[in-house]
Amino acid sequence: MLSLADADPACRTFVIEVAGEPTPVGFGVLHRDGADLTTWPDATPHVLLRGLTVDARWQGRGVGAAAVAAVPELTSAWFPDALHVVLTVHTENAAGLRVYDRAGFTRTDAMYAGRAGPEYVMALPLP
């Protein structure tokens, strides 16, 4: 995913760091207008949050929640025309759903047929 994102000018990759740690503990990709019309039928300017990953050793410590909380600011800085951040999350990913819910994302009426099973489509309007 990182090499594909680096090659695509519509994508920006971010790393997740923890103070005092010598290496990043995760990453994510923001993809301008990256959702197709079946996922985001609204067709307004948006950014798709893709591949948010936190090293298993750091999960459950608030690292992912802090990263998700930073996404609106990153999106506004890198893609100022975006009106929403859109993402998909596996229906069985209870921890991910909690993080996204707490960050203000809401489920849309759409579902995404992911490779590992059904995923909810969630969106966050940007100010």
N, C-alpha and C. Protein backbone atom coordinates (compact mmCIF):
# COMPACT_ATOMS: atom_id res chain seq x y z
N MET A 1 0.81 -1.18 0.00
CA MET A 1 0.00 0.00 0.00
C MET A 1 0.86 1.26 0.00
N LEU A 2 1.94 1.25 0.76
CA LEU A 2 2.78 2.44 0.84
C LEU A 2 3.42 2.78 -0.50
N SER A 3 3.90 1.77 -1.21
CA SER A 3 4.54 2.06 -2.50
C SER A 3 3.51 2.57 -3.51
N LEU A 4 2.29 2.02 -3.49
CA LEU A 4 1.24 2.51 -4.39
C LEU A 4 0.85 3.93 -4.03
N ALA A 5 0.74 4.22 -2.75
CA ALA A 5 0.37 5.58 -2.32
C ALA A 5 1.46 6.57 -2.67
N ASP A 6 2.71 6.17 -2.51
CA ASP A 6 3.81 7.08 -2.84
C ASP A 6 3.84 7.41 -4.33
N ALA A 7 3.39 6.49 -5.16
CA ALA A 7 3.41 6.71 -6.61
C ALA A 7 2.19 7.49 -7.10
N ASP A 8 1.19 7.68 -6.25
CA ASP A 8 -0.06 8.33 -6.65
C ASP A 8 -0.11 9.75 -6.11
N PRO A 9 -0.12 10.76 -6.97
CA PRO A 9 -0.13 12.15 -6.49
C PRO A 9 -1.40 12.53 -5.73
N ALA A 10 -2.45 11.71 -5.82
CA ALA A 10 -3.68 11.99 -5.08
C ALA A 10 -3.60 11.47 -3.64
N CYS A 11 -2.50 10.82 -3.28
CA CYS A 11 -2.35 10.23 -1.94
C CYS A 11 -1.28 10.93 -1.14
N ARG A 12 -1.51 10.99 0.16
CA ARG A 12 -0.51 11.46 1.11
C ARG A 12 -0.42 10.41 2.22
N THR A 13 0.79 9.98 2.52
CA THR A 13 1.03 8.99 3.56
C THR A 13 1.46 9.71 4.83
N PHE A 14 0.97 9.22 5.97
CA PHE A 14 1.44 9.77 7.24
C PHE A 14 1.90 8.63 8.14
N VAL A 15 2.88 8.92 8.97
CA VAL A 15 3.36 7.92 9.92
C VAL A 15 2.84 8.28 11.31
N ILE A 16 2.73 7.27 12.12
CA ILE A 16 2.27 7.43 13.50
C ILE A 16 3.47 7.19 14.39
N GLU A 17 3.80 8.19 15.16
CA GLU A 17 4.96 8.12 16.05
C GLU A 17 4.53 8.25 17.50
N VAL A 18 5.32 7.67 18.37
CA VAL A 18 5.14 7.79 19.82
C VAL A 18 6.40 8.43 20.37
N ALA A 19 6.23 9.45 21.17
CA ALA A 19 7.38 10.15 21.74
C ALA A 19 8.31 9.16 22.44
N GLY A 20 9.59 9.28 22.14
CA GLY A 20 10.59 8.42 22.76
C GLY A 20 10.84 7.12 22.04
N GLU A 21 9.99 6.78 21.07
CA GLU A 21 10.19 5.55 20.30
C GLU A 21 11.05 5.85 19.08
N PRO A 22 12.03 5.02 18.79
CA PRO A 22 12.94 5.31 17.67
C PRO A 22 12.34 5.08 16.28
N THR A 23 11.28 4.29 16.19
CA THR A 23 10.69 4.01 14.89
C THR A 23 9.18 4.26 14.93
N PRO A 24 8.59 4.57 13.79
CA PRO A 24 7.13 4.75 13.74
C PRO A 24 6.41 3.48 14.19
N VAL A 25 5.21 3.67 14.75
CA VAL A 25 4.43 2.54 15.24
C VAL A 25 3.21 2.27 14.36
N GLY A 26 3.08 3.05 13.29
CA GLY A 26 1.96 2.83 12.39
C GLY A 26 2.00 3.81 11.23
N PHE A 27 0.97 3.71 10.38
CA PHE A 27 0.87 4.61 9.23
C PHE A 27 -0.57 4.63 8.74
N GLY A 28 -0.83 5.55 7.86
CA GLY A 28 -2.12 5.63 7.18
C GLY A 28 -1.94 6.38 5.88
N VAL A 29 -2.96 6.32 5.04
CA VAL A 29 -2.94 7.00 3.75
C VAL A 29 -4.22 7.82 3.61
N LEU A 30 -4.06 9.06 3.17
CA LEU A 30 -5.20 9.90 2.81
C LEU A 30 -5.22 10.00 1.30
N HIS A 31 -6.35 9.62 0.69
CA HIS A 31 -6.46 9.51 -0.77
C HIS A 31 -7.57 10.45 -1.25
N ARG A 32 -7.17 11.51 -1.95
CA ARG A 32 -8.15 12.49 -2.46
C ARG A 32 -9.14 11.80 -3.39
N ASP A 33 -10.44 11.97 -3.10
CA ASP A 33 -11.52 11.40 -3.90
C ASP A 33 -11.30 9.92 -4.20
N GLY A 34 -10.81 9.20 -3.20
CA GLY A 34 -10.44 7.80 -3.38
C GLY A 34 -11.57 6.80 -3.29
N ALA A 35 -12.74 7.21 -2.81
CA ALA A 35 -13.86 6.27 -2.72
C ALA A 35 -14.63 6.27 -4.03
N ASP A 36 -15.03 5.08 -4.49
CA ASP A 36 -15.83 5.02 -5.71
C ASP A 36 -17.28 5.37 -5.40
N LEU A 37 -18.09 5.50 -6.43
CA LEU A 37 -19.47 5.95 -6.24
C LEU A 37 -20.34 4.95 -5.49
N THR A 38 -19.95 3.68 -5.46
CA THR A 38 -20.74 2.72 -4.67
C THR A 38 -20.46 2.91 -3.19
N THR A 39 -19.26 3.37 -2.86
CA THR A 39 -18.90 3.60 -1.46
C THR A 39 -19.31 4.99 -1.01
N TRP A 40 -19.11 5.98 -1.88
CA TRP A 40 -19.42 7.37 -1.53
C TRP A 40 -20.26 7.98 -2.65
N PRO A 41 -21.56 7.65 -2.67
CA PRO A 41 -22.42 8.11 -3.77
C PRO A 41 -22.65 9.61 -3.76
N ASP A 42 -22.32 10.27 -2.67
CA ASP A 42 -22.50 11.72 -2.56
C ASP A 42 -21.70 12.46 -3.63
N ALA A 43 -20.55 11.94 -3.99
CA ALA A 43 -19.67 12.49 -5.03
C ALA A 43 -19.12 13.87 -4.71
N THR A 44 -19.25 14.32 -3.47
CA THR A 44 -18.63 15.59 -3.09
C THR A 44 -17.15 15.37 -2.87
N PRO A 45 -16.34 16.44 -2.92
CA PRO A 45 -14.91 16.27 -2.66
C PRO A 45 -14.70 15.63 -1.28
N HIS A 46 -13.92 14.60 -1.26
CA HIS A 46 -13.69 13.85 -0.02
C HIS A 46 -12.26 13.30 -0.02
N VAL A 47 -11.89 12.78 1.12
CA VAL A 47 -10.63 12.06 1.26
C VAL A 47 -10.95 10.70 1.86
N LEU A 48 -10.40 9.67 1.26
CA LEU A 48 -10.58 8.31 1.77
C LEU A 48 -9.41 8.00 2.70
N LEU A 49 -9.72 7.66 3.95
CA LEU A 49 -8.70 7.20 4.89
C LEU A 49 -8.50 5.72 4.62
N ARG A 50 -7.28 5.36 4.21
CA ARG A 50 -6.99 3.98 3.81
C ARG A 50 -5.87 3.40 4.67
N GLY A 51 -5.99 2.12 4.94
CA GLY A 51 -4.90 1.35 5.50
C GLY A 51 -4.35 1.82 6.83
N LEU A 52 -5.17 2.44 7.65
CA LEU A 52 -4.67 2.87 8.96
C LEU A 52 -4.24 1.63 9.74
N THR A 53 -2.97 1.59 10.09
CA THR A 53 -2.38 0.42 10.74
C THR A 53 -1.55 0.86 11.93
N VAL A 54 -1.76 0.18 13.06
CA VAL A 54 -0.95 0.41 14.26
C VAL A 54 -0.33 -0.93 14.65
N ASP A 55 0.98 -0.90 14.90
CA ASP A 55 1.70 -2.09 15.33
C ASP A 55 0.95 -2.75 16.49
N ALA A 56 0.81 -4.07 16.43
CA ALA A 56 0.06 -4.81 17.46
C ALA A 56 0.56 -4.52 18.87
N ARG A 57 1.86 -4.25 19.02
CA ARG A 57 2.40 -3.97 20.36
C ARG A 57 1.89 -2.65 20.92
N TRP A 58 1.33 -1.79 20.07
CA TRP A 58 0.86 -0.48 20.50
C TRP A 58 -0.66 -0.36 20.47
N GLN A 59 -1.33 -1.40 20.05
CA GLN A 59 -2.80 -1.36 20.03
C GLN A 59 -3.34 -1.39 21.44
N GLY A 60 -4.48 -0.73 21.64
CA GLY A 60 -5.11 -0.68 22.96
C GLY A 60 -4.53 0.36 23.89
N ARG A 61 -3.65 1.22 23.39
CA ARG A 61 -3.00 2.24 24.22
C ARG A 61 -3.40 3.66 23.81
N GLY A 62 -4.37 3.79 22.92
CA GLY A 62 -4.82 5.11 22.49
C GLY A 62 -4.06 5.68 21.31
N VAL A 63 -3.11 4.93 20.78
CA VAL A 63 -2.31 5.42 19.65
C VAL A 63 -3.18 5.58 18.41
N GLY A 64 -3.99 4.60 18.10
CA GLY A 64 -4.88 4.69 16.95
C GLY A 64 -5.89 5.81 17.11
N ALA A 65 -6.44 5.95 18.31
CA ALA A 65 -7.40 7.03 18.56
C ALA A 65 -6.76 8.40 18.36
N ALA A 66 -5.53 8.56 18.80
CA ALA A 66 -4.83 9.83 18.61
C ALA A 66 -4.57 10.08 17.13
N ALA A 67 -4.22 9.04 16.40
CA ALA A 67 -3.97 9.19 14.97
C ALA A 67 -5.26 9.58 14.24
N VAL A 68 -6.37 8.92 14.57
CA VAL A 68 -7.65 9.24 13.94
C VAL A 68 -8.07 10.67 14.30
N ALA A 69 -7.82 11.08 15.51
CA ALA A 69 -8.16 12.45 15.92
C ALA A 69 -7.39 13.49 15.12
N ALA A 70 -6.20 13.14 14.63
CA ALA A 70 -5.38 14.07 13.85
C ALA A 70 -5.78 14.11 12.38
N VAL A 71 -6.56 13.15 11.92
CA VAL A 71 -6.91 13.05 10.50
C VAL A 71 -7.63 14.29 9.97
N PRO A 72 -8.62 14.86 10.66
CA PRO A 72 -9.28 16.06 10.11
C PRO A 72 -8.30 17.22 9.87
N GLU A 73 -7.39 17.44 10.80
CA GLU A 73 -6.41 18.52 10.63
C GLU A 73 -5.47 18.24 9.46
N LEU A 74 -4.98 17.01 9.37
CA LEU A 74 -4.12 16.64 8.24
C LEU A 74 -4.86 16.80 6.92
N THR A 75 -6.11 16.33 6.89
CA THR A 75 -6.91 16.42 5.67
C THR A 75 -7.10 17.87 5.26
N SER A 76 -7.46 18.72 6.19
CA SER A 76 -7.68 20.14 5.87
C SER A 76 -6.41 20.81 5.39
N ALA A 77 -5.27 20.42 5.95
CA ALA A 77 -4.00 21.02 5.53
C ALA A 77 -3.58 20.53 4.15
N TRP A 78 -3.74 19.24 3.87
CA TRP A 78 -3.27 18.67 2.62
C TRP A 78 -4.29 18.76 1.49
N PHE A 79 -5.57 18.70 1.84
CA PHE A 79 -6.65 18.69 0.84
C PHE A 79 -7.74 19.68 1.27
N PRO A 80 -7.46 20.97 1.19
CA PRO A 80 -8.38 21.98 1.75
C PRO A 80 -9.76 22.00 1.08
N ASP A 81 -9.91 21.43 -0.10
CA ASP A 81 -11.22 21.42 -0.76
C ASP A 81 -12.11 20.26 -0.30
N ALA A 82 -11.57 19.32 0.46
CA ALA A 82 -12.34 18.14 0.89
C ALA A 82 -13.44 18.55 1.87
N LEU A 83 -14.61 17.94 1.70
CA LEU A 83 -15.74 18.22 2.57
C LEU A 83 -15.99 17.11 3.58
N HIS A 84 -15.45 15.91 3.31
CA HIS A 84 -15.64 14.75 4.19
C HIS A 84 -14.38 13.89 4.19
N VAL A 85 -14.20 13.17 5.29
CA VAL A 85 -13.26 12.05 5.33
C VAL A 85 -14.14 10.80 5.34
N VAL A 86 -13.83 9.86 4.46
CA VAL A 86 -14.60 8.64 4.30
C VAL A 86 -13.68 7.46 4.59
N LEU A 87 -14.21 6.40 5.18
CA LEU A 87 -13.43 5.19 5.43
C LEU A 87 -14.34 3.99 5.42
N THR A 88 -13.74 2.82 5.33
CA THR A 88 -14.49 1.58 5.52
C THR A 88 -13.83 0.83 6.66
N VAL A 89 -14.65 0.14 7.43
CA VAL A 89 -14.15 -0.65 8.55
C VAL A 89 -14.93 -1.95 8.61
N HIS A 90 -14.20 -3.03 8.79
CA HIS A 90 -14.82 -4.36 8.84
C HIS A 90 -15.89 -4.39 9.92
N THR A 91 -17.01 -5.03 9.63
CA THR A 91 -18.13 -5.07 10.57
C THR A 91 -17.77 -5.77 11.88
N GLU A 92 -16.75 -6.63 11.86
CA GLU A 92 -16.34 -7.36 13.06
C GLU A 92 -15.23 -6.64 13.85
N ASN A 93 -14.79 -5.48 13.37
CA ASN A 93 -13.70 -4.75 14.02
C ASN A 93 -14.26 -3.82 15.10
N ALA A 94 -14.60 -4.40 16.24
CA ALA A 94 -15.23 -3.64 17.32
C ALA A 94 -14.35 -2.50 17.82
N ALA A 95 -13.06 -2.75 17.95
CA ALA A 95 -12.15 -1.70 18.44
C ALA A 95 -12.08 -0.55 17.44
N GLY A 96 -11.96 -0.87 16.16
CA GLY A 96 -11.92 0.17 15.13
C GLY A 96 -13.21 0.97 15.10
N LEU A 97 -14.34 0.30 15.20
CA LEU A 97 -15.63 0.99 15.22
C LEU A 97 -15.72 1.96 16.39
N ARG A 98 -15.25 1.54 17.56
CA ARG A 98 -15.27 2.44 18.73
C ARG A 98 -14.42 3.67 18.50
N VAL A 99 -13.22 3.47 17.96
CA VAL A 99 -12.31 4.59 17.71
C VAL A 99 -12.95 5.57 16.73
N TYR A 100 -13.49 5.06 15.63
CA TYR A 100 -14.07 5.94 14.62
C TYR A 100 -15.34 6.63 15.15
N ASP A 101 -16.16 5.90 15.90
CA ASP A 101 -17.35 6.51 16.51
C ASP A 101 -16.95 7.66 17.43
N ARG A 102 -15.98 7.43 18.28
CA ARG A 102 -15.54 8.47 19.23
C ARG A 102 -14.95 9.68 18.52
N ALA A 103 -14.37 9.46 17.35
CA ALA A 103 -13.76 10.56 16.60
C ALA A 103 -14.80 11.35 15.80
N GLY A 104 -16.07 10.92 15.84
CA GLY A 104 -17.13 11.66 15.17
C GLY A 104 -17.56 11.11 13.83
N PHE A 105 -16.97 9.98 13.40
CA PHE A 105 -17.42 9.36 12.16
C PHE A 105 -18.78 8.72 12.39
N THR A 106 -19.63 8.76 11.38
CA THR A 106 -20.93 8.10 11.46
C THR A 106 -21.07 7.13 10.30
N ARG A 107 -21.83 6.08 10.53
CA ARG A 107 -22.08 5.09 9.48
C ARG A 107 -23.03 5.69 8.45
N THR A 108 -22.72 5.44 7.20
CA THR A 108 -23.61 5.84 6.12
C THR A 108 -24.54 4.67 5.82
N ASP A 109 -25.39 4.84 4.84
CA ASP A 109 -26.28 3.74 4.43
C ASP A 109 -25.58 2.73 3.54
N ALA A 110 -24.36 3.04 3.11
CA ALA A 110 -23.64 2.17 2.18
C ALA A 110 -22.85 1.10 2.94
N MET A 111 -22.62 0.00 2.27
CA MET A 111 -21.74 -1.07 2.76
C MET A 111 -20.70 -1.32 1.67
N TYR A 112 -19.53 -1.79 2.08
CA TYR A 112 -18.47 -2.10 1.14
C TYR A 112 -18.18 -3.58 1.23
N ALA A 113 -18.06 -4.24 0.08
CA ALA A 113 -17.77 -5.68 0.04
C ALA A 113 -16.26 -5.86 0.04
N GLY A 114 -15.66 -5.89 1.22
CA GLY A 114 -14.22 -6.04 1.34
C GLY A 114 -13.77 -7.47 1.09
N ARG A 115 -12.48 -7.63 0.87
CA ARG A 115 -11.94 -8.97 0.61
C ARG A 115 -12.13 -9.89 1.81
N ALA A 116 -12.10 -9.33 3.03
CA ALA A 116 -12.24 -10.15 4.23
C ALA A 116 -13.68 -10.17 4.75
N GLY A 117 -14.61 -9.59 4.00
CA GLY A 117 -16.00 -9.58 4.41
C GLY A 117 -16.58 -8.19 4.38
N PRO A 118 -17.84 -8.06 4.81
CA PRO A 118 -18.52 -6.77 4.70
C PRO A 118 -17.90 -5.69 5.60
N GLU A 119 -17.95 -4.47 5.09
CA GLU A 119 -17.40 -3.33 5.82
C GLU A 119 -18.42 -2.21 5.83
N TYR A 120 -18.49 -1.52 6.97
CA TYR A 120 -19.31 -0.33 7.06
C TYR A 120 -18.57 0.81 6.36
N VAL A 121 -19.33 1.70 5.75
CA VAL A 121 -18.79 2.94 5.23
C VAL A 121 -19.12 4.02 6.25
N MET A 122 -18.09 4.75 6.68
CA MET A 122 -18.28 5.79 7.68
C MET A 122 -17.76 7.11 7.11
N ALA A 123 -18.32 8.21 7.57
CA ALA A 123 -17.92 9.52 7.06
C ALA A 123 -17.87 10.53 8.20
N LEU A 124 -17.00 11.50 8.02
CA LEU A 124 -16.86 12.61 8.97
C LEU A 124 -16.88 13.91 8.16
N PRO A 125 -17.89 14.77 8.39
CA PRO A 125 -17.87 16.06 7.69
C PRO A 125 -16.77 16.93 8.25
N LEU A 126 -16.14 17.70 7.36
CA LEU A 126 -15.07 18.60 7.77
C LEU A 126 -15.62 20.01 7.92
N PRO A 127 -15.06 20.79 8.83
CA PRO A 127 -15.56 22.16 9.02
C PRO A 127 -15.28 23.03 7.80
